[in-house]
PDB file of N, CA and C in Angstrom:
ATOM      1  N   MET A   1     -22.079  -1.659  -9.428  1.00  0.00           N
ATOM      2  CA  MET A   1     -21.189  -0.786  -8.669  1.00  0.00           C
ATOM      3  C   MET A   1     -19.726  -1.147  -8.926  1.00  0.00           C
ATOM      4  N   TYR A   2     -19.470  -2.450  -9.088  1.00  0.00           N
ATOM      5  CA  TYR A   2     -18.103  -2.878  -9.366  1.00  0.00           C
ATOM      6  C   TYR A   2     -17.621  -2.327 -10.694  1.00  0.00           C
ATOM      7  N   ALA A   3     -18.515  -2.217 -11.666  1.00  0.00           N
ATOM      8  CA  ALA A   3     -18.147  -1.723 -12.991  1.00  0.00           C
ATOM      9  C   ALA A   3     -17.673  -0.274 -12.929  1.00  0.00           C
ATOM     10  N   VAL A   4     -18.285   0.516 -12.087  1.00  0.00           N
ATOM     11  CA  VAL A   4     -17.874   1.915 -11.951  1.00  0.00           C
ATOM     12  C   VAL A   4     -16.451   1.986 -11.414  1.00  0.00           C
ATOM     13  N   PHE A   5     -16.137   1.167 -10.409  1.00  0.00           N
ATOM     14  CA  PHE A   5     -14.785   1.164  -9.849  1.00  0.00           C
ATOM     15  C   PHE A   5     -13.765   0.642 -10.855  1.00  0.00           C
ATOM     16  N   TRP A   6     -14.173  -0.309 -11.690  1.00  0.00           N
ATOM     17  CA  TRP A   6     -13.260  -0.813 -12.715  1.00  0.00           C
ATOM     18  C   TRP A   6     -12.892   0.289 -13.695  1.00  0.00           C
ATOM     19  N   TRP A   7     -13.905   1.038 -14.146  1.00  0.00           N
ATOM     20  CA  TRP A   7     -13.641   2.131 -15.081  1.00  0.00           C
ATOM     21  C   TRP A   7     -12.799   3.223 -14.427  1.00  0.00           C
ATOM     22  N   LEU A   8     -13.079   3.550 -13.178  1.00  0.00           N
ATOM     23  CA  LEU A   8     -12.278   4.557 -12.478  1.00  0.00           C
ATOM     24  C   LEU A   8     -10.833   4.093 -12.309  1.00  0.00           C
ATOM     25  N   ARG A   9     -10.644   2.815 -12.040  1.00  0.00           N
ATOM     26  CA  ARG A   9      -9.288   2.277 -11.908  1.00  0.00           C
ATOM     27  C   ARG A   9      -8.550   2.352 -13.235  1.00  0.00           C
ATOM     28  N   GLN A  10      -9.226   2.034 -14.318  1.00  0.00           N
ATOM     29  CA  GLN A  10      -8.586   2.107 -15.636  1.00  0.00           C
ATOM     30  C   GLN A  10      -8.202   3.543 -15.977  1.00  0.00           C
ATOM     31  N   ILE A  11      -9.074   4.473 -15.687  1.00  0.00           N
ATOM     32  CA  ILE A  11      -8.775   5.885 -15.949  1.00  0.00           C
ATOM     33  C   ILE A  11      -7.618   6.354 -15.078  1.00  0.00           C
ATOM     34  N   GLY A  12      -7.585   5.912 -13.823  1.00  0.00           N
ATOM     35  CA  GLY A  12      -6.473   6.254 -12.945  1.00  0.00           C
ATOM     36  C   GLY A  12      -5.146   5.696 -13.447  1.00  0.00           C
ATOM     37  N   LEU A  13      -5.181   4.466 -13.946  1.00  0.00           N
ATOM     38  CA  LEU A  13      -3.957   3.870 -14.491  1.00  0.00           C
ATOM     39  C   LEU A  13      -3.501   4.601 -15.746  1.00  0.00           C
ATOM     40  N   ILE A  14      -4.430   5.019 -16.580  1.00  0.00           N
ATOM     41  CA  ILE A  14      -4.068   5.786 -17.772  1.00  0.00           C
ATOM     42  C   ILE A  14      -3.458   7.131 -17.379  1.00  0.00           C
ATOM     43  N   LEU A  15      -4.025   7.787 -16.383  1.00  0.00           N
ATOM     44  CA  LEU A  15      -3.479   9.065 -15.929  1.00  0.00           C
ATOM     45  C   LEU A  15      -2.076   8.894 -15.347  1.00  0.00           C
ATOM     46  N   ALA A  16      -1.864   7.819 -14.604  1.00  0.00           N
ATOM     47  CA  ALA A  16      -0.526   7.556 -14.056  1.00  0.00           C
ATOM     48  C   ALA A  16       0.475   7.301 -15.177  1.00  0.00           C
ATOM     49  N   ALA A  17       0.069   6.550 -16.189  1.00  0.00           N
ATOM     50  CA  ALA A  17       0.956   6.283 -17.324  1.00  0.00           C
ATOM     51  C   ALA A  17       1.234   7.569 -18.101  1.00  0.00           C
ATOM     52  N   CYS A  18       0.246   8.452 -18.211  1.00  0.00           N
ATOM     53  CA  CYS A  18       0.466   9.742 -18.881  1.00  0.00           C
ATOM     54  C   CYS A  18       1.452  10.602 -18.095  1.00  0.00           C
ATOM     55  N   PHE A  19       1.371  10.544 -16.771  1.00  0.00           N
ATOM     56  CA  PHE A  19       2.347  11.272 -15.948  1.00  0.00           C
ATOM     57  C   PHE A  19       3.753  10.776 -16.224  1.00  0.00           C
ATOM     58  N   PHE A  20       3.944   9.461 -16.258  1.00  0.00           N
ATOM     59  CA  PHE A  20       5.276   8.924 -16.509  1.00  0.00           C
ATOM     60  C   PHE A  20       5.730   9.188 -17.949  1.00  0.00           C
ATOM     61  N   LEU A  21       4.801   9.249 -18.879  1.00  0.00           N
ATOM     62  CA  LEU A  21       5.154   9.616 -20.247  1.00  0.00           C
ATOM     63  C   LEU A  21       5.681  11.050 -20.294  1.00  0.00           C
ATOM     64  N   ALA A  22       4.986  11.957 -19.632  1.00  0.00           N
ATOM     65  CA  ALA A  22       5.437  13.349 -19.574  1.00  0.00           C
ATOM     66  C   ALA A  22       6.769  13.464 -18.831  1.00  0.00           C
ATOM     67  N   PHE A  23       6.932  12.673 -17.779  1.00  0.00           N
ATOM     68  CA  PHE A  23       8.187  12.661 -17.023  1.00  0.00           C
ATOM     69  C   PHE A  23       9.337  12.176 -17.903  1.00  0.00           C
ATOM     70  N   GLY A  24       9.095  11.156 -18.712  1.00  0.00           N
ATOM     71  CA  GLY A  24      10.119  10.647 -19.619  1.00  0.00           C
ATOM     72  C   GLY A  24      10.499  11.671 -20.666  1.00  0.00           C
ATOM     73  N   VAL A  25       9.519  12.397 -21.193  1.00  0.00           N
ATOM     74  CA  VAL A  25       9.814  13.447 -22.168  1.00  0.00           C
ATOM     75  C   VAL A  25      10.627  14.560 -21.512  1.00  0.00           C
ATOM     76  N   HIS A  26      10.289  14.888 -20.272  1.00  0.00           N
ATOM     77  CA  HIS A  26      11.043  15.909 -19.539  1.00  0.00           C
ATOM     78  C   HIS A  26      12.497  15.480 -19.339  1.00  0.00           C
ATOM     79  N   ILE A  27      12.710  14.234 -18.985  1.00  0.00           N
ATOM     80  CA  ILE A  27      14.081  13.729 -18.823  1.00  0.00           C
ATOM     81  C   ILE A  27      14.813  13.750 -20.167  1.00  0.00           C
ATOM     82  N   LEU A  28      14.122  13.392 -21.244  1.00  0.00           N
ATOM     83  CA  LEU A  28      14.729  13.413 -22.571  1.00  0.00           C
ATOM     84  C   LEU A  28      15.194  14.820 -22.943  1.00  0.00           C
ATOM     85  N   ILE A  29      14.354  15.802 -22.707  1.00  0.00           N
ATOM     86  CA  ILE A  29      14.725  17.187 -23.005  1.00  0.00           C
ATOM     87  C   ILE A  29      15.886  17.634 -22.125  1.00  0.00           C
ATOM     88  N   ALA A  30      15.830  17.275 -20.848  1.00  0.00           N
ATOM     89  CA  ALA A  30      16.889  17.678 -19.927  1.00  0.00           C
ATOM     90  C   ALA A  30      18.214  16.984 -20.235  1.00  0.00           C
ATOM     91  N   SER A  31      18.161  15.812 -20.825  1.00  0.00           N
ATOM     92  CA  SER A  31      19.401  15.095 -21.111  1.00  0.00           C
ATOM     93  C   SER A  31      20.253  15.819 -22.152  1.00  0.00           C
ATOM     94  N   TYR A  32      19.637  16.587 -23.025  1.00  0.00           N
ATOM     95  CA  TYR A  32      20.400  17.323 -24.040  1.00  0.00           C
ATOM     96  C   TYR A  32      21.175  18.493 -23.451  1.00  0.00           C
ATOM     97  N   ARG A  33      20.880  18.873 -22.226  1.00  0.00           N
ATOM     98  CA  ARG A  33      21.608  19.953 -21.566  1.00  0.00           C
ATOM     99  C   ARG A  33      22.826  19.453 -20.795  1.00  0.00           C
ATOM    100  N   LEU A  34      22.996  18.151 -20.710  1.00  0.00           N
ATOM    101  CA  LEU A  34      24.121  17.600 -19.968  1.00  0.00           C
ATOM    102  C   LEU A  34      25.411  17.738 -20.761  1.00  0.00           C
ATOM    103  N   LYS A  35      26.504  18.001 -20.047  1.00  0.00           N
ATOM    104  CA  LYS A  35      27.807  18.181 -20.694  1.00  0.00           C
ATOM    105  C   LYS A  35      28.605  16.887 -20.757  1.00  0.00           C
ATOM    106  N   ASP A  36      28.414  16.020 -19.775  1.00  0.00           N
ATOM    107  CA  ASP A  36      29.156  14.762 -19.705  1.00  0.00           C
ATOM    108  C   ASP A  36      28.537  13.748 -20.674  1.00  0.00           C
ATOM    109  N   PRO A  37      29.318  13.188 -21.607  1.00  0.00           N
ATOM    110  CA  PRO A  37      28.742  12.240 -22.585  1.00  0.00           C
ATOM    111  C   PRO A  37      28.149  10.992 -21.936  1.00  0.00           C
ATOM    112  N   TYR A  38      28.792  10.488 -20.893  1.00  0.00           N
ATOM    113  CA  TYR A  38      28.281   9.295 -20.214  1.00  0.00           C
ATOM    114  C   TYR A  38      26.918   9.586 -19.582  1.00  0.00           C
ATOM    115  N   SER A  39      26.811  10.718 -18.920  1.00  0.00           N
ATOM    116  CA  SER A  39      25.527  11.087 -18.299  1.00  0.00           C
ATOM    117  C   SER A  39      24.448  11.298 -19.359  1.00  0.00           C
ATOM    118  N   PHE A  40      24.841  11.882 -20.488  1.00  0.00           N
ATOM    119  CA  PHE A  40      23.879  12.079 -21.567  1.00  0.00           C
ATOM    120  C   PHE A  40      23.347  10.742 -22.075  1.00  0.00           C
ATOM    121  N   ILE A  41      24.242   9.809 -22.338  1.00  0.00           N
ATOM    122  CA  ILE A  41      23.820   8.501 -22.866  1.00  0.00           C
ATOM    123  C   ILE A  41      22.908   7.791 -21.872  1.00  0.00           C
ATOM    124  N   MET A  42      23.261   7.807 -20.596  1.00  0.00           N
ATOM    125  CA  MET A  42      22.445   7.122 -19.589  1.00  0.00           C
ATOM    126  C   MET A  42      21.071   7.773 -19.444  1.00  0.00           C
ATOM    127  N   ALA A  43      21.036   9.105 -19.404  1.00  0.00           N
ATOM    128  CA  ALA A  43      19.748   9.801 -19.278  1.00  0.00           C
ATOM    129  C   ALA A  43      18.908   9.625 -20.539  1.00  0.00           C
ATOM    130  N   PHE A  44      19.550   9.649 -21.700  1.00  0.00           N
ATOM    131  CA  PHE A  44      18.844   9.504 -22.962  1.00  0.00           C
ATOM    132  C   PHE A  44      18.160   8.140 -23.055  1.00  0.00           C
ATOM    133  N   PHE A  45      18.905   7.080 -22.787  1.00  0.00           N
ATOM    134  CA  PHE A  45      18.318   5.744 -22.890  1.00  0.00           C
ATOM    135  C   PHE A  45      17.313   5.469 -21.771  1.00  0.00           C
ATOM    136  N   ALA A  46      17.543   6.018 -20.591  1.00  0.00           N
ATOM    137  CA  ALA A  46      16.575   5.855 -19.503  1.00  0.00           C
ATOM    138  C   ALA A  46      15.247   6.541 -19.854  1.00  0.00           C
ATOM    139  N   SER A  47      15.341   7.735 -20.419  1.00  0.00           N
ATOM    140  CA  SER A  47      14.117   8.447 -20.777  1.00  0.00           C
ATOM    141  C   SER A  47      13.377   7.725 -21.897  1.00  0.00           C
ATOM    142  N   ASN A  48      14.110   7.190 -22.857  1.00  0.00           N
ATOM    143  CA  ASN A  48      13.449   6.446 -23.928  1.00  0.00           C
ATOM    144  C   ASN A  48      12.764   5.190 -23.411  1.00  0.00           C
ATOM    145  N   LEU A  49      13.367   4.527 -22.440  1.00  0.00           N
ATOM    146  CA  LEU A  49      12.737   3.351 -21.844  1.00  0.00           C
ATOM    147  C   LEU A  49      11.467   3.732 -21.094  1.00  0.00           C
ATOM    148  N   ILE A  50      11.518   4.824 -20.346  1.00  0.00           N
ATOM    149  CA  ILE A  50      10.335   5.292 -19.619  1.00  0.00           C
ATOM    150  C   ILE A  50       9.219   5.646 -20.600  1.00  0.00           C
ATOM    151  N   ILE A  51       9.559   6.331 -21.683  1.00  0.00           N
ATOM    152  CA  ILE A  51       8.568   6.721 -22.684  1.00  0.00           C
ATOM    153  C   ILE A  51       7.962   5.487 -23.340  1.00  0.00           C
ATOM    154  N   LEU A  52       8.806   4.532 -23.703  1.00  0.00           N
ATOM    155  CA  LEU A  52       8.321   3.326 -24.370  1.00  0.00           C
ATOM    156  C   LEU A  52       7.381   2.524 -23.474  1.00  0.00           C
ATOM    157  N   ILE A  53       7.754   2.316 -22.234  1.00  0.00           N
ATOM    158  CA  ILE A  53       6.912   1.542 -21.317  1.00  0.00           C
ATOM    159  C   ILE A  53       5.603   2.279 -21.048  1.00  0.00           C
ATOM    160  N   SER A  54       5.666   3.580 -20.831  1.00  0.00           N
ATOM    161  CA  SER A  54       4.452   4.353 -20.554  1.00  0.00           C
ATOM    162  C   SER A  54       3.496   4.344 -21.738  1.00  0.00           C
ATOM    163  N   ALA A  55       4.031   4.528 -22.935  1.00  0.00           N
ATOM    164  CA  ALA A  55       3.174   4.526 -24.121  1.00  0.00           C
ATOM    165  C   ALA A  55       2.536   3.155 -24.336  1.00  0.00           C
ATOM    166  N   THR A  56       3.294   2.099 -24.063  1.00  0.00           N
ATOM    167  CA  THR A  56       2.753   0.749 -24.193  1.00  0.00           C
ATOM    168  C   THR A  56       1.639   0.504 -23.177  1.00  0.00           C
ATOM    169  N   LEU A  57       1.827   0.965 -21.963  1.00  0.00           N
ATOM    170  CA  LEU A  57       0.786   0.804 -20.946  1.00  0.00           C
ATOM    171  C   LEU A  57      -0.470   1.584 -21.302  1.00  0.00           C
ATOM    172  N   ILE A  58      -0.310   2.810 -21.780  1.00  0.00           N
ATOM    173  CA  ILE A  58      -1.471   3.600 -22.189  1.00  0.00           C
ATOM    174  C   ILE A  58      -2.235   2.881 -23.292  1.00  0.00           C
ATOM    175  N   LEU A  59      -1.513   2.403 -24.291  1.00  0.00           N
ATOM    176  CA  LEU A  59      -2.155   1.687 -25.390  1.00  0.00           C
ATOM    177  C   LEU A  59      -2.876   0.433 -24.886  1.00  0.00           C
ATOM    178  N   GLY A  60      -2.245  -0.307 -23.988  1.00  0.00           N
ATOM    179  CA  GLY A  60      -2.869  -1.514 -23.445  1.00  0.00           C
ATOM    180  C   GLY A  60      -4.124  -1.222 -22.652  1.00  0.00           C
ATOM    181  N   PHE A  61      -4.093  -0.185 -21.829  1.00  0.00           N
ATOM    182  CA  PHE A  61      -5.274   0.166 -21.041  1.00  0.00           C
ATOM    183  C   PHE A  61      -6.418   0.638 -21.941  1.00  0.00           C
ATOM    184  N   VAL A  62      -6.099   1.414 -22.953  1.00  0.00           N
ATOM    185  CA  VAL A  62      -7.139   1.904 -23.861  1.00  0.00           C
ATOM    186  C   VAL A  62      -7.748   0.750 -24.645  1.00  0.00           C
ATOM    187  N   ILE A  63      -6.920  -0.159 -25.131  1.00  0.00           N
ATOM    188  CA  ILE A  63      -7.442  -1.318 -25.863  1.00  0.00           C
ATOM    189  C   ILE A  63      -8.318  -2.171 -24.953  1.00  0.00           C
ATOM    190  N   ARG A  64      -7.905  -2.360 -23.699  1.00  0.00           N
ATOM    191  CA  ARG A  64      -8.725  -3.123 -22.752  1.00  0.00           C
ATOM    192  C   ARG A  64     -10.068  -2.448 -22.524  1.00  0.00           C
ATOM    193  N   MET A  65     -10.068  -1.126 -22.384  1.00  0.00           N
ATOM    194  CA  MET A  65     -11.321  -0.410 -22.181  1.00  0.00           C
ATOM    195  C   MET A  65     -12.235  -0.523 -23.409  1.00  0.00           C
ATOM    196  N   ILE A  66     -11.659  -0.460 -24.590  1.00  0.00           N
ATOM    197  CA  ILE A  66     -12.457  -0.589 -25.813  1.00  0.00           C
ATOM    198  C   ILE A  66     -13.071  -1.979 -25.906  1.00  0.00           C
ATOM    199  N   ARG A  67     -12.292  -3.009 -25.599  1.00  0.00           N
ATOM    200  CA  ARG A  67     -12.810  -4.384 -25.657  1.00  0.00           C
ATOM    201  C   ARG A  67     -13.931  -4.607 -24.649  1.00  0.00           C
ATOM    202  N   VAL A  68     -13.766  -4.101 -23.442  1.00  0.00           N
ATOM    203  CA  VAL A  68     -14.815  -4.268 -22.420  1.00  0.00           C
ATOM    204  C   VAL A  68     -16.065  -3.499 -22.826  1.00  0.00           C
ATOM    205  N   ARG A  69     -15.890  -2.303 -23.382  1.00  0.00           N
ATOM    206  CA  ARG A  69     -17.051  -1.510 -23.815  1.00  0.00           C
ATOM    207  C   ARG A  69     -17.813  -2.220 -24.925  1.00  0.00           C
ATOM    208  N   ARG A  70     -17.083  -2.782 -25.882  1.00  0.00           N
ATOM    209  CA  ARG A  70     -17.750  -3.515 -26.967  1.00  0.00           C
ATOM    210  C   ARG A  70     -18.445  -4.763 -26.449  1.00  0.00           C
ATOM    211  N   ALA A  71     -17.834  -5.462 -25.486  1.00  0.00           N
ATOM    212  CA  ALA A  71     -18.428  -6.684 -24.944  1.00  0.00           C
ATOM    213  C   ALA A  71     -19.692  -6.353 -24.143  1.00  0.00           C
ATOM    214  N   THR A  72     -19.684  -5.289 -23.379  1.00  0.00           N
ATOM    215  CA  THR A  72     -20.869  -4.946 -22.598  1.00  0.00           C
ATOM    216  C   THR A  72     -21.967  -4.377 -23.490  1.00  0.00           C
ATOM    217  N   ARG A  73     -21.589  -3.708 -24.576  1.00  0.00           N
ATOM    218  CA  ARG A  73     -22.592  -3.176 -25.491  1.00  0.00           C
ATOM    219  C   ARG A  73     -23.266  -4.305 -26.266  1.00  0.00           C
ATOM    220  N   ASP A  74     -22.528  -5.360 -26.603  1.00  0.00           N
ATOM    221  CA  ASP A  74     -23.105  -6.494 -27.328  1.00  0.00           C
ATOM    222  C   ASP A  74     -24.024  -7.319 -26.432  1.00  0.00           C
ATOM    223  N   ASP A  75     -23.767  -7.331 -25.129  1.00  0.00           N
ATOM    224  CA  ASP A  75     -24.610  -8.110 -24.203  1.00  0.00           C
ATOM    225  C   ASP A  75     -25.978  -7.503 -24.013  1.00  0.00           C
ATOM    226  N   THR A  76     -26.074  -6.200 -24.140  1.00  0.00           N
ATOM    227  CA  THR A  76     -27.359  -5.541 -23.889  1.00  0.00           C
ATOM    228  C   THR A  76     -28.214  -5.451 -25.108  1.00  0.00           C
TER     229      THR A  76
END
């Protein structure tokens, strides 16, 4: 039963990271509509940081799920 909750938690974390990835892309697109150069630079770099962290988290969660799946498949 614990294994089911672990997988659901991992999927939930991946979905949350995908939301923030989409949010970062939205901020990136919106930053190009800004007229003030300072605001553009701040929004641009903030969106890139959000995208980078979200993509890294997604990759980490997927790799963790693959490793656990391979380990449980080898045990059986």
